[in-house]
Amino acid sequence: MAYVEEYVGSRSEFLRFMQEVWKSLNSGGLNIEGKTLRLPKDTELEYKIKYDYDDEEYVLALKVTWPNPSWVEPEDVEEEEEE
């Protein structure tokens, strides 16, 4: 699942938005497309902050990742060679 929301606003509107996002994550979860996203309490989070810029714009991105508990690593499958 990939999901993106885009907004345009002032600095104060952005900061208020970020406060609401963190408040939601801290108090039970963030509702996205009818599903609740919760930060796990029993596993480590990997988080990164990225800052970049070019002649046209500046970019600030925050990324948080953690393992998906329902993901199972596929077994190695040997491909048969065709002759």
Protein backbone atom coordinates (compact mmCIF):
# COMPACT_ATOMS: atom_id res chain seq x y z
CA MET A 1 0.00 0.00 0.00
CA ALA A 2 1.32 3.41 -0.91
CA TYR A 3 -0.39 6.55 0.24
CA VAL A 4 0.41 10.21 -0.22
CA GLU A 5 -1.36 13.32 1.01
CA GLU A 6 -0.34 16.71 -0.27
CA TYR A 7 -1.01 20.07 1.33
CA VAL A 8 -0.04 23.66 0.79
CA GLY A 9 -0.04 26.12 3.64
CA SER A 10 1.88 28.51 5.79
CA ARG A 11 4.67 27.59 8.20
CA SER A 12 2.27 27.73 11.15
CA GLU A 13 -0.28 25.53 9.32
CA PHE A 14 2.48 22.99 8.60
CA LEU A 15 3.60 22.93 12.24
CA ARG A 16 -0.01 22.52 13.40
CA PHE A 17 -0.45 19.67 10.90
CA MET A 18 2.69 17.91 12.18
CA GLN A 19 1.51 18.31 15.78
CA GLU A 20 -1.78 16.62 14.87
CA VAL A 21 0.01 13.76 13.08
CA TRP A 22 2.26 13.05 16.08
CA LYS A 23 -0.63 13.46 18.50
CA SER A 24 -2.63 10.87 16.51
CA LEU A 25 0.31 8.45 16.39
CA ASN A 26 0.79 8.81 20.15
CA SER A 27 -2.86 8.40 21.09
CA GLY A 28 -3.92 5.23 19.34
CA GLY A 29 -3.05 5.67 15.72
CA LEU A 30 -3.28 7.69 12.57
CA ASN A 31 -6.35 7.03 10.43
CA ILE A 32 -5.41 6.58 6.76
CA GLU A 33 -8.01 5.50 4.21
CA GLY A 34 -10.14 3.88 6.89
CA LYS A 35 -7.24 1.95 8.43
CA THR A 36 -5.38 2.80 11.61
CA LEU A 37 -1.61 3.11 11.45
CA ARG A 38 0.05 2.46 14.80
CA LEU A 39 3.70 2.68 15.68
CA PRO A 40 4.69 -0.66 17.24
CA LYS A 41 5.70 -0.70 20.87
CA ASP A 42 7.54 -4.03 20.77
CA THR A 43 10.07 -3.47 17.99
CA GLU A 44 12.71 -0.95 17.08
CA LEU A 45 11.88 1.80 14.64
CA GLU A 46 14.33 2.97 12.02
CA TYR A 47 13.95 6.66 11.33
CA LYS A 48 15.71 8.99 8.97
CA ILE A 49 15.56 12.66 8.18
CA LYS A 50 16.59 13.79 4.73
CA TYR A 51 17.38 17.29 3.64
CA ASP A 52 18.09 18.14 0.02
CA TYR A 53 17.94 21.12 -2.26
CA ASP A 54 18.57 22.25 -5.80
CA ASP A 55 18.13 25.48 -7.74
CA GLU A 56 14.33 25.19 -7.61
CA GLU A 57 13.41 23.93 -4.14
CA TYR A 58 14.35 22.59 -0.72
CA VAL A 59 13.16 19.18 0.46
CA LEU A 60 12.79 17.88 4.00
CA ALA A 61 11.58 14.29 4.42
CA LEU A 62 11.07 12.16 7.49
CA LYS A 63 10.92 8.38 7.06
CA VAL A 64 10.05 5.82 9.73
CA THR A 65 10.21 2.08 9.03
CA TRP A 66 9.72 -1.14 11.00
CA PRO A 67 9.36 -4.82 10.10
CA ASN A 68 6.00 -6.09 8.89
CA PRO A 69 5.13 -8.92 11.31
CA SER A 70 3.03 -10.75 8.71
CA TRP A 71 5.80 -10.84 6.09
CA VAL A 72 7.41 -14.24 5.59
CA GLU A 73 10.72 -14.50 3.75
CA PRO A 74 10.24 -16.64 0.63
CA GLU A 75 12.16 -19.87 0.40
CA ASP A 76 14.98 -20.04 -2.12
CA VAL A 77 13.62 -21.40 -5.35
CA GLU A 78 16.05 -22.93 -7.79
CA GLU A 79 15.19 -22.23 -11.38
CA GLU A 80 15.41 -25.16 -13.75
CA GLU A 81 17.76 -24.56 -16.64
CA GLU A 82 16.21 -24.88 -20.07
CA GLU A 83 18.26 -26.81 -22.59
